[in-house]
Amino acid sequence: TYRVAFDRANLAEVKDKATVYHQAGSDTYGFYTTTEFVIMGSE
């Protein structure tokens, strides 16, 4: 069972477990995640 999510942090920030907040005037993107889906392996 999986879902895929967009992360505001870049790969280095994810590795450092940094929390990345909205920055006024620079971010125009938000949080996104798919709903859960199940992989059966035969797809």
ModelCIF file with pLDDT and N, C-alpha, C, O atoms, coordinates in Angstrom:
data_MODEL
#
_entry.id   MODEL 
#
_entity.id                         1 
_entity.type                       polymer 
_entity.pdbx_number_of_molecules   1 
#
_entity_poly.entity_id                      1 
_entity_poly.type                           'polypeptide(L)' 
_entity_poly.nstd_linkage                   no 
_entity_poly.nstd_monomer                   no 
_entity_poly.pdbx_seq_one_letter_code       TYRVAFDRANLAEVKDKATVYHQAGSDTYGFYTTTEFVIMGSE 
_entity_poly.pdbx_seq_one_letter_code_can   TYRVAFDRANLAEVKDKATVYHQAGSDTYGFYTTTEFVIMGSE 
_entity_poly.pdbx_strand_id                 A 
#
loop_
_entity_poly_seq.entity_id 
_entity_poly_seq.num 
_entity_poly_seq.mon_id 
_entity_poly_seq.hetero 
1 1  THR n 
1 2  TYR n 
1 3  ARG n 
1 4  VAL n 
1 5  ALA n 
1 6  PHE n 
1 7  ASP n 
1 8  ARG n 
1 9  ALA n 
1 10 ASN n 
1 11 LEU n 
1 12 ALA n 
1 13 GLU n 
1 14 VAL n 
1 15 LYS n 
1 16 ASP n 
1 17 LYS n 
1 18 ALA n 
1 19 THR n 
1 20 VAL n 
1 21 TYR n 
1 22 HIS n 
1 23 GLN n 
1 24 ALA n 
1 25 GLY n 
1 26 SER n 
1 27 ASP n 
1 28 THR n 
1 29 TYR n 
1 30 GLY n 
1 31 PHE n 
1 32 TYR n 
1 33 THR n 
1 34 THR n 
1 35 THR n 
1 36 GLU n 
1 37 PHE n 
1 38 VAL n 
1 39 ILE n 
1 40 MET n 
1 41 GLY n 
1 42 SER n 
1 43 GLU n 
#
_struct_asym.id          A 
_struct_asym.entity_id   1 
#
loop_
_ma_qa_metric.id 
_ma_qa_metric.mode 
_ma_qa_metric.name 
_ma_qa_metric.software_group_id 
_ma_qa_metric.type 
1 global pLDDT . pLDDT 
2 local  pLDDT . pLDDT 
#
_ma_qa_metric_global.metric_id      1 
_ma_qa_metric_global.metric_value   80.47 
_ma_qa_metric_global.model_id       1 
_ma_qa_metric_global.ordinal_id     1 
#
loop_
_ma_qa_metric_local.label_asym_id 
_ma_qa_metric_local.label_comp_id 
_ma_qa_metric_local.label_seq_id 
_ma_qa_metric_local.metric_id 
_ma_qa_metric_local.metric_value 
_ma_qa_metric_local.model_id 
_ma_qa_metric_local.ordinal_id 
A THR 1  2 93.00 1 1  
A TYR 2  2 94.00 1 2  
A ARG 3  2 94.00 1 3  
A VAL 4  2 95.00 1 4  
A ALA 5  2 91.00 1 5  
A PHE 6  2 91.00 1 6  
A ASP 7  2 87.00 1 7  
A ARG 8  2 84.00 1 8  
A ALA 9  2 82.00 1 9  
A ASN 10 2 83.00 1 10 
A LEU 11 2 85.00 1 11 
A ALA 12 2 85.00 1 12 
A GLU 13 2 84.00 1 13 
A VAL 14 2 83.00 1 14 
A LYS 15 2 82.00 1 15 
A ASP 16 2 83.00 1 16 
A LYS 17 2 81.00 1 17 
A ALA 18 2 77.00 1 18 
A THR 19 2 76.00 1 19 
A VAL 20 2 77.00 1 20 
A TYR 21 2 73.00 1 21 
A HIS 22 2 68.00 1 22 
A GLN 23 2 68.00 1 23 
A ALA 24 2 63.00 1 24 
A GLY 25 2 62.00 1 25 
A SER 26 2 67.00 1 26 
A ASP 27 2 70.00 1 27 
A THR 28 2 71.00 1 28 
A TYR 29 2 74.00 1 29 
A GLY 30 2 73.00 1 30 
A PHE 31 2 75.00 1 31 
A TYR 32 2 82.00 1 32 
A THR 33 2 86.00 1 33 
A THR 34 2 90.00 1 34 
A THR 35 2 90.00 1 35 
A GLU 36 2 92.00 1 36 
A PHE 37 2 91.00 1 37 
A VAL 38 2 90.00 1 38 
A ILE 39 2 87.00 1 39 
A MET 40 2 81.00 1 40 
A GLY 41 2 62.00 1 41 
A SER 42 2 70.00 1 42 
A GLU 43 2 68.00 1 43 
#
loop_
_atom_site.group_PDB 
_atom_site.id 
_atom_site.type_symbol 
_atom_site.label_atom_id 
_atom_site.label_alt_id 
_atom_site.label_comp_id 
_atom_site.label_asym_id 
_atom_site.label_entity_id 
_atom_site.label_seq_id 
_atom_site.pdbx_PDB_ins_code 
_atom_site.Cartn_x 
_atom_site.Cartn_y 
_atom_site.Cartn_z 
_atom_site.occupancy 
_atom_site.B_iso_or_equiv 
_atom_site.pdbx_formal_charge 
_atom_site.auth_seq_id 
_atom_site.auth_comp_id 
_atom_site.auth_asym_id 
_atom_site.auth_atom_id 
_atom_site.pdbx_PDB_model_num 
ATOM 1   N N  . THR A 1 1  ? 0.857  -1.187 0.000   1.00 93.00 ? 1  THR A N  1 
ATOM 2   C CA . THR A 1 1  ? 0.000  0.000  0.000   1.00 93.00 ? 1  THR A CA 1 
ATOM 3   C C  . THR A 1 1  ? 0.892  1.235  0.000   1.00 93.00 ? 1  THR A C  1 
ATOM 4   O O  . THR A 1 1  ? 1.796  1.360  0.826   1.00 93.00 ? 1  THR A O  1 
ATOM 5   N N  . TYR A 1 2  ? 0.627  2.150  -0.938  1.00 94.00 ? 2  TYR A N  1 
ATOM 6   C CA . TYR A 1 2  ? 1.488  3.310  -1.138  1.00 94.00 ? 2  TYR A CA 1 
ATOM 7   C C  . TYR A 1 2  ? 0.673  4.569  -1.409  1.00 94.00 ? 2  TYR A C  1 
ATOM 8   O O  . TYR A 1 2  ? -0.531 4.512  -1.657  1.00 94.00 ? 2  TYR A O  1 
ATOM 9   N N  . ARG A 1 3  ? 1.358  5.701  -1.356  1.00 94.00 ? 3  ARG A N  1 
ATOM 10  C CA . ARG A 1 3  ? 0.902  6.959  -1.926  1.00 94.00 ? 3  ARG A CA 1 
ATOM 11  C C  . ARG A 1 3  ? 2.143  7.727  -2.343  1.00 94.00 ? 3  ARG A C  1 
ATOM 12  O O  . ARG A 1 3  ? 3.238  7.466  -1.844  1.00 94.00 ? 3  ARG A O  1 
ATOM 13  N N  . VAL A 1 4  ? 1.978  8.667  -3.248  1.00 95.00 ? 4  VAL A N  1 
ATOM 14  C CA . VAL A 1 4  ? 3.093  9.480  -3.720  1.00 95.00 ? 4  VAL A CA 1 
ATOM 15  C C  . VAL A 1 4  ? 2.801  10.910 -3.297  1.00 95.00 ? 4  VAL A C  1 
ATOM 16  O O  . VAL A 1 4  ? 1.672  11.379 -3.439  1.00 95.00 ? 4  VAL A O  1 
ATOM 17  N N  . ALA A 1 5  ? 3.814  11.613 -2.775  1.00 91.00 ? 5  ALA A N  1 
ATOM 18  C CA . ALA A 1 5  ? 3.619  12.973 -2.290  1.00 91.00 ? 5  ALA A CA 1 
ATOM 19  C C  . ALA A 1 5  ? 4.718  13.895 -2.814  1.00 91.00 ? 5  ALA A C  1 
ATOM 20  O O  . ALA A 1 5  ? 5.874  13.493 -2.949  1.00 91.00 ? 5  ALA A O  1 
ATOM 21  N N  . PHE A 1 6  ? 4.336  15.130 -3.103  1.00 91.00 ? 6  PHE A N  1 
ATOM 22  C CA . PHE A 1 6  ? 5.276  16.187 -3.445  1.00 91.00 ? 6  PHE A CA 1 
ATOM 23  C C  . PHE A 1 6  ? 5.813  16.756 -2.144  1.00 91.00 ? 6  PHE A C  1 
ATOM 24  O O  . PHE A 1 6  ? 5.069  16.882 -1.170  1.00 91.00 ? 6  PHE A O  1 
ATOM 25  N N  . ASP A 1 7  ? 7.091  17.101 -2.113  1.00 87.00 ? 7  ASP A N  1 
ATOM 26  C CA . ASP A 1 7  ? 7.703  17.671 -0.916  1.00 87.00 ? 7  ASP A CA 1 
ATOM 27  C C  . ASP A 1 7  ? 8.319  19.015 -1.261  1.00 87.00 ? 7  ASP A C  1 
ATOM 28  O O  . ASP A 1 7  ? 9.033  19.133 -2.257  1.00 87.00 ? 7  ASP A O  1 
ATOM 29  N N  . ARG A 1 8  ? 8.053  20.028 -0.450  1.00 84.00 ? 8  ARG A N  1 
ATOM 30  C CA . ARG A 1 8  ? 8.620  21.363 -0.658  1.00 84.00 ? 8  ARG A CA 1 
ATOM 31  C C  . ARG A 1 8  ? 10.137 21.357 -0.506  1.00 84.00 ? 8  ARG A C  1 
ATOM 32  O O  . ARG A 1 8  ? 10.829 22.159 -1.133  1.00 84.00 ? 8  ARG A O  1 
ATOM 33  N N  . ALA A 1 9  ? 10.656 20.453 0.327   1.00 82.00 ? 9  ALA A N  1 
ATOM 34  C CA . ALA A 1 9  ? 12.098 20.388 0.591   1.00 82.00 ? 9  ALA A CA 1 
ATOM 35  C C  . ALA A 1 9  ? 12.835 19.782 -0.597  1.00 82.00 ? 9  ALA A C  1 
ATOM 36  O O  . ALA A 1 9  ? 12.290 18.937 -1.307  1.00 82.00 ? 9  ALA A O  1 
ATOM 37  N N  . ASN A 1 10 ? 14.087 20.218 -0.811  1.00 83.00 ? 10 ASN A N  1 
ATOM 38  C CA . ASN A 1 10 ? 14.903 19.569 -1.822  1.00 83.00 ? 10 ASN A CA 1 
ATOM 39  C C  . ASN A 1 10 ? 15.519 18.310 -1.207  1.00 83.00 ? 10 ASN A C  1 
ATOM 40  O O  . ASN A 1 10 ? 15.332 18.053 -0.018  1.00 83.00 ? 10 ASN A O  1 
ATOM 41  N N  . LEU A 1 11 ? 16.249 17.526 -1.999  1.00 85.00 ? 11 LEU A N  1 
ATOM 42  C CA . LEU A 1 11 ? 16.772 16.253 -1.498  1.00 85.00 ? 11 LEU A CA 1 
ATOM 43  C C  . LEU A 1 11 ? 17.703 16.424 -0.300  1.00 85.00 ? 11 LEU A C  1 
ATOM 44  O O  . LEU A 1 11 ? 17.654 15.619 0.630   1.00 85.00 ? 11 LEU A O  1 
ATOM 45  N N  . ALA A 1 12 ? 18.547 17.453 -0.302  1.00 85.00 ? 12 ALA A N  1 
ATOM 46  C CA . ALA A 1 12 ? 19.452 17.682 0.830   1.00 85.00 ? 12 ALA A CA 1 
ATOM 47  C C  . ALA A 1 12 ? 18.664 18.024 2.091   1.00 85.00 ? 12 ALA A C  1 
ATOM 48  O O  . ALA A 1 12 ? 19.000 17.558 3.180   1.00 85.00 ? 12 ALA A O  1 
ATOM 49  N N  . GLU A 1 13 ? 17.617 18.836 1.947   1.00 84.00 ? 13 GLU A N  1 
ATOM 50  C CA . GLU A 1 13 ? 16.795 19.203 3.106   1.00 84.00 ? 13 GLU A CA 1 
ATOM 51  C C  . GLU A 1 13 ? 16.024 18.001 3.628   1.00 84.00 ? 13 GLU A C  1 
ATOM 52  O O  . GLU A 1 13 ? 15.836 17.864 4.837   1.00 84.00 ? 13 GLU A O  1 
ATOM 53  N N  . VAL A 1 14 ? 15.573 17.125 2.727   1.00 83.00 ? 14 VAL A N  1 
ATOM 54  C CA . VAL A 1 14 ? 14.883 15.903 3.158   1.00 83.00 ? 14 VAL A CA 1 
ATOM 55  C C  . VAL A 1 14 ? 15.846 15.035 3.948   1.00 83.00 ? 14 VAL A C  1 
ATOM 56  O O  . VAL A 1 14 ? 15.483 14.506 4.998   1.00 83.00 ? 14 VAL A O  1 
ATOM 57  N N  . LYS A 1 15 ? 17.080 14.882 3.453   1.00 82.00 ? 15 LYS A N  1 
ATOM 58  C CA . LYS A 1 15 ? 18.087 14.076 4.146   1.00 82.00 ? 15 LYS A CA 1 
ATOM 59  C C  . LYS A 1 15 ? 18.371 14.629 5.536   1.00 82.00 ? 15 LYS A C  1 
ATOM 60  O O  . LYS A 1 15 ? 18.556 13.867 6.485   1.00 82.00 ? 15 LYS A O  1 
ATOM 61  N N  . ASP A 1 16 ? 18.404 15.962 5.660   1.00 83.00 ? 16 ASP A N  1 
ATOM 62  C CA . ASP A 1 16 ? 18.653 16.597 6.952   1.00 83.00 ? 16 ASP A CA 1 
ATOM 63  C C  . ASP A 1 16 ? 17.399 16.717 7.810   1.00 83.00 ? 16 ASP A C  1 
ATOM 64  O O  . ASP A 1 16 ? 17.451 17.258 8.915   1.00 83.00 ? 16 ASP A O  1 
ATOM 65  N N  . LYS A 1 17 ? 16.275 16.218 7.309   1.00 81.00 ? 17 LYS A N  1 
ATOM 66  C CA . LYS A 1 17 ? 14.982 16.271 7.996   1.00 81.00 ? 17 LYS A CA 1 
ATOM 67  C C  . LYS A 1 17 ? 14.572 17.697 8.324   1.00 81.00 ? 17 LYS A C  1 
ATOM 68  O O  . LYS A 1 17 ? 13.987 17.964 9.374   1.00 81.00 ? 17 LYS A O  1 
ATOM 69  N N  . ALA A 1 18 ? 14.885 18.607 7.416   1.00 77.00 ? 18 ALA A N  1 
ATOM 70  C CA . ALA A 1 18 ? 14.532 20.017 7.604   1.00 77.00 ? 18 ALA A CA 1 
ATOM 71  C C  . ALA A 1 18 ? 13.063 20.238 7.271   1.00 77.00 ? 18 ALA A C  1 
ATOM 72  O O  . ALA A 1 18 ? 12.527 19.615 6.355   1.00 77.00 ? 18 ALA A O  1 
ATOM 73  N N  . THR A 1 19 ? 12.419 21.120 8.010   1.00 76.00 ? 19 THR A N  1 
ATOM 74  C CA . THR A 1 19 ? 11.053 21.515 7.701   1.00 76.00 ? 19 THR A CA 1 
ATOM 75  C C  . THR A 1 19 ? 11.129 22.766 6.846   1.00 76.00 ? 19 THR A C  1 
ATOM 76  O O  . THR A 1 19 ? 11.781 23.741 7.222   1.00 76.00 ? 19 THR A O  1 
ATOM 77  N N  . VAL A 1 20 ? 10.466 22.745 5.698   1.00 77.00 ? 20 VAL A N  1 
ATOM 78  C CA . VAL A 1 20 ? 10.514 23.876 4.781   1.00 77.00 ? 20 VAL A CA 1 
ATOM 79  C C  . VAL A 1 20 ? 9.144  24.540 4.772   1.00 77.00 ? 20 VAL A C  1 
ATOM 80  O O  . VAL A 1 20 ? 8.137  23.911 4.447   1.00 77.00 ? 20 VAL A O  1 
ATOM 81  N N  . TYR A 1 21 ? 9.121  25.809 5.131   1.00 73.00 ? 21 TYR A N  1 
ATOM 82  C CA . TYR A 1 21 ? 7.873  26.556 5.223   1.00 73.00 ? 21 TYR A CA 1 
ATOM 83  C C  . TYR A 1 21 ? 7.672  27.425 3.991   1.00 73.00 ? 21 TYR A C  1 
ATOM 84  O O  . TYR A 1 21 ? 8.613  27.695 3.244   1.00 73.00 ? 21 TYR A O  1 
ATOM 85  N N  . HIS A 1 22 ? 6.443  27.854 3.793   1.00 68.00 ? 22 HIS A N  1 
ATOM 86  C CA . HIS A 1 22 ? 6.119  28.798 2.727   1.00 68.00 ? 22 HIS A CA 1 
ATOM 87  C C  . HIS A 1 22 ? 6.897  30.083 2.958   1.00 68.00 ? 22 HIS A C  1 
ATOM 88  O O  . HIS A 1 22 ? 6.978  30.577 4.082   1.00 68.00 ? 22 HIS A O  1 
ATOM 89  N N  . GLN A 1 23 ? 7.464  30.618 1.890   1.00 68.00 ? 23 GLN A N  1 
ATOM 90  C CA . GLN A 1 23 ? 8.165  31.888 1.978   1.00 68.00 ? 23 GLN A CA 1 
ATOM 91  C C  . GLN A 1 23 ? 7.400  32.901 1.149   1.00 68.00 ? 23 GLN A C  1 
ATOM 92  O O  . GLN A 1 23 ? 7.249  32.746 -0.063  1.00 68.00 ? 23 GLN A O  1 
ATOM 93  N N  . ALA A 1 24 ? 6.928  33.922 1.805   1.00 63.00 ? 24 ALA A N  1 
ATOM 94  C CA . ALA A 1 24 ? 6.103  34.927 1.138   1.00 63.00 ? 24 ALA A CA 1 
ATOM 95  C C  . ALA A 1 24 ? 6.809  35.465 -0.096  1.00 63.00 ? 24 ALA A C  1 
ATOM 96  O O  . ALA A 1 24 ? 7.977  35.850 -0.052  1.00 63.00 ? 24 ALA A O  1 
ATOM 97  N N  . GLY A 1 25 ? 6.076  35.480 -1.188  1.00 62.00 ? 25 GLY A N  1 
ATOM 98  C CA . GLY A 1 25 ? 6.595  36.041 -2.420  1.00 62.00 ? 25 GLY A CA 1 
ATOM 99  C C  . GLY A 1 25 ? 7.458  35.101 -3.240  1.00 62.00 ? 25 GLY A C  1 
ATOM 100 O O  . GLY A 1 25 ? 7.779  35.422 -4.384  1.00 62.00 ? 25 GLY A O  1 
ATOM 101 N N  . SER A 1 26 ? 7.848  33.944 -2.698  1.00 67.00 ? 26 SER A N  1 
ATOM 102 C CA . SER A 1 26 ? 8.699  33.047 -3.481  1.00 67.00 ? 26 SER A CA 1 
ATOM 103 C C  . SER A 1 26 ? 8.040  31.715 -3.807  1.00 67.00 ? 26 SER A C  1 
ATOM 104 O O  . SER A 1 26 ? 8.217  31.210 -4.915  1.00 67.00 ? 26 SER A O  1 
ATOM 105 N N  . ASP A 1 27 ? 7.290  31.130 -2.888  1.00 70.00 ? 27 ASP A N  1 
ATOM 106 C CA . ASP A 1 27 ? 6.605  29.862 -3.185  1.00 70.00 ? 27 ASP A CA 1 
ATOM 107 C C  . ASP A 1 27 ? 5.223  30.170 -3.738  1.00 70.00 ? 27 ASP A C  1 
ATOM 108 O O  . ASP A 1 27 ? 4.482  30.994 -3.202  1.00 70.00 ? 27 ASP A O  1 
ATOM 109 N N  . THR A 1 28 ? 4.914  29.506 -4.786  1.00 71.00 ? 28 THR A N  1 
ATOM 110 C CA . THR A 1 28 ? 3.523  29.550 -5.260  1.00 71.00 ? 28 THR A CA 1 
ATOM 111 C C  . THR A 1 28 ? 3.049  28.123 -5.445  1.00 71.00 ? 28 THR A C  1 
ATOM 112 O O  . THR A 1 28 ? 2.227  27.836 -6.315  1.00 71.00 ? 28 THR A O  1 
ATOM 113 N N  . TYR A 1 29 ? 3.569  27.242 -4.628  1.00 74.00 ? 29 TYR A N  1 
ATOM 114 C CA . TYR A 1 29 ? 3.139  25.850 -4.701  1.00 74.00 ? 29 TYR A CA 1 
ATOM 115 C C  . TYR A 1 29 ? 2.781  25.352 -3.315  1.00 74.00 ? 29 TYR A C  1 
ATOM 116 O O  . TYR A 1 29 ? 3.226  25.895 -2.304  1.00 74.00 ? 29 TYR A O  1 
ATOM 117 N N  . GLY A 1 30 ? 1.969  24.312 -3.289  1.00 73.00 ? 30 GLY A N  1 
ATOM 118 C CA . GLY A 1 30 ? 1.468  23.794 -2.031  1.00 73.00 ? 30 GLY A CA 1 
ATOM 119 C C  . GLY A 1 30 ? 1.689  22.305 -1.902  1.00 73.00 ? 30 GLY A C  1 
ATOM 120 O O  . GLY A 1 30 ? 2.366  21.689 -2.725  1.00 73.00 ? 30 GLY A O  1 
ATOM 121 N N  . PHE A 1 31 ? 1.121  21.743 -0.881  1.00 75.00 ? 31 PHE A N  1 
ATOM 122 C CA . PHE A 1 31 ? 1.226  20.322 -0.565  1.00 75.00 ? 31 PHE A CA 1 
ATOM 123 C C  . PHE A 1 31 ? 0.398  19.507 -1.555  1.00 75.00 ? 31 PHE A C  1 
ATOM 124 O O  . PHE A 1 31 ? -0.672 19.944 -1.980  1.00 75.00 ? 31 PHE A O  1 
ATOM 125 N N  . TYR A 1 32 ? 0.888  18.333 -1.919  1.00 82.00 ? 32 TYR A N  1 
ATOM 126 C CA . TYR A 1 32 ? 0.097  17.435 -2.763  1.00 82.00 ? 32 TYR A CA 1 
ATOM 127 C C  . TYR A 1 32 ? 0.448  16.000 -2.414  1.00 82.00 ? 32 TYR A C  1 
ATOM 128 O O  . TYR A 1 32 ? 1.622  15.665 -2.251  1.00 82.00 ? 32 TYR A O  1 
ATOM 129 N N  . THR A 1 33 ? -0.562 15.156 -2.298  1.00 86.00 ? 33 THR A N  1 
ATOM 130 C CA . THR A 1 33 ? -0.356 13.720 -2.144  1.00 86.00 ? 33 THR A CA 1 
ATOM 131 C C  . THR A 1 33 ? -1.468 12.985 -2.868  1.00 86.00 ? 33 THR A C  1 
ATOM 132 O O  . THR A 1 33 ? -2.607 13.450 -2.920  1.00 86.00 ? 33 THR A O  1 
ATOM 133 N N  . THR A 1 34 ? -1.126 11.835 -3.424  1.00 90.00 ? 34 THR A N  1 
ATOM 134 C CA . THR A 1 34 ? -2.160 11.002 -4.025  1.00 90.00 ? 34 THR A CA 1 
ATOM 135 C C  . THR A 1 34 ? -2.922 10.309 -2.901  1.00 90.00 ? 34 THR A C  1 
ATOM 136 O O  . THR A 1 34 ? -2.480 10.311 -1.752  1.00 90.00 ? 34 THR A O  1 
ATOM 137 N N  . THR A 1 35 ? -4.045 9.729  -3.228  1.00 90.00 ? 35 THR A N  1 
ATOM 138 C CA . THR A 1 35 ? -4.721 8.870  -2.268  1.00 90.00 ? 35 THR A CA 1 
ATOM 139 C C  . THR A 1 35 ? -3.970 7.541  -2.241  1.00 90.00 ? 35 THR A C  1 
ATOM 140 O O  . THR A 1 35 ? -3.194 7.249  -3.151  1.00 90.00 ? 35 THR A O  1 
ATOM 141 N N  . GLU A 1 36 ? -4.191 6.750  -1.222  1.00 92.00 ? 36 GLU A N  1 
ATOM 142 C CA . GLU A 1 36 ? -3.523 5.448  -1.126  1.00 92.00 ? 36 GLU A CA 1 
ATOM 143 C C  . GLU A 1 36 ? -3.929 4.561  -2.288  1.00 92.00 ? 36 GLU A C  1 
ATOM 144 O O  . GLU A 1 36 ? -5.065 4.612  -2.759  1.00 92.00 ? 36 GLU A O  1 
ATOM 145 N N  . PHE A 1 37 ? -2.991 3.752  -2.741  1.00 91.00 ? 37 PHE A N  1 
ATOM 146 C CA . PHE A 1 37 ? -3.283 2.750  -3.763  1.00 91.00 ? 37 PHE A CA 1 
ATOM 147 C C  . PHE A 1 37 ? -2.532 1.476  -3.407  1.00 91.00 ? 37 PHE A C  1 
ATOM 148 O O  . PHE A 1 37 ? -1.510 1.512  -2.721  1.00 91.00 ? 37 PHE A O  1 
ATOM 149 N N  . VAL A 1 38 ? -3.051 0.357  -3.880  1.00 90.00 ? 38 VAL A N  1 
ATOM 150 C CA . VAL A 1 38 ? -2.464 -0.944 -3.572  1.00 90.00 ? 38 VAL A CA 1 
ATOM 151 C C  . VAL A 1 38 ? -1.839 -1.510 -4.840  1.00 90.00 ? 38 VAL A C  1 
ATOM 152 O O  . VAL A 1 38 ? -2.439 -1.480 -5.915  1.00 90.00 ? 38 VAL A O  1 
ATOM 153 N N  . ILE A 1 39 ? -0.636 -2.019 -4.695  1.00 87.00 ? 39 ILE A N  1 
ATOM 154 C CA . ILE A 1 39 ? 0.063  -2.678 -5.798  1.00 87.00 ? 39 ILE A CA 1 
ATOM 155 C C  . ILE A 1 39 ? -0.007 -4.172 -5.543  1.00 87.00 ? 39 ILE A C  1 
ATOM 156 O O  . ILE A 1 39 ? 0.339  -4.652 -4.463  1.00 87.00 ? 39 ILE A O  1 
ATOM 157 N N  . MET A 1 40 ? -0.458 -4.893 -6.548  1.00 81.00 ? 40 MET A N  1 
ATOM 158 C CA . MET A 1 40 ? -0.568 -6.338 -6.416  1.00 81.00 ? 40 MET A CA 1 
ATOM 159 C C  . MET A 1 40 ? 0.630  -7.061 -7.012  1.00 81.00 ? 40 MET A C  1 
ATOM 160 O O  . MET A 1 40 ? 0.806  -8.254 -6.762  1.00 81.00 ? 40 MET A O  1 
ATOM 161 N N  . GLY A 1 41 ? 1.457  -6.378 -7.791  1.00 62.00 ? 41 GLY A N  1 
ATOM 162 C CA . GLY A 1 41 ? 2.651  -7.012 -8.336  1.00 62.00 ? 41 GLY A CA 1 
ATOM 163 C C  . GLY A 1 41 ? 2.485  -7.546 -9.746  1.00 62.00 ? 41 GLY A C  1 
ATOM 164 O O  . GLY A 1 41 ? 3.486  -7.803 -10.415 1.00 62.00 ? 41 GLY A O  1 
ATOM 165 N N  . SER A 1 42 ? 1.280  -7.722 -10.216 1.00 70.00 ? 42 SER A N  1 
ATOM 166 C CA . SER A 1 42 ? 1.093  -8.266 -11.552 1.00 70.00 ? 42 SER A CA 1 
ATOM 167 C C  . SER A 1 42 ? 0.792  -7.167 -12.569 1.00 70.00 ? 42 SER A C  1 
ATOM 168 O O  . SER A 1 42 ? 0.487  -7.465 -13.724 1.00 70.00 ? 42 SER A O  1 
ATOM 169 N N  . GLU A 1 43 ? 0.873  -5.916 -12.160 1.00 68.00 ? 43 GLU A N  1 
ATOM 170 C CA . GLU A 1 43 ? 0.497  -4.805 -13.026 1.00 68.00 ? 43 GLU A CA 1 
ATOM 171 C C  . GLU A 1 43 ? 1.568  -4.427 -14.035 1.00 68.00 ? 43 GLU A C  1 
ATOM 172 O O  . GLU A 1 43 ? 1.373  -3.504 -14.825 1.00 68.00 ? 43 GLU A O  1 
#
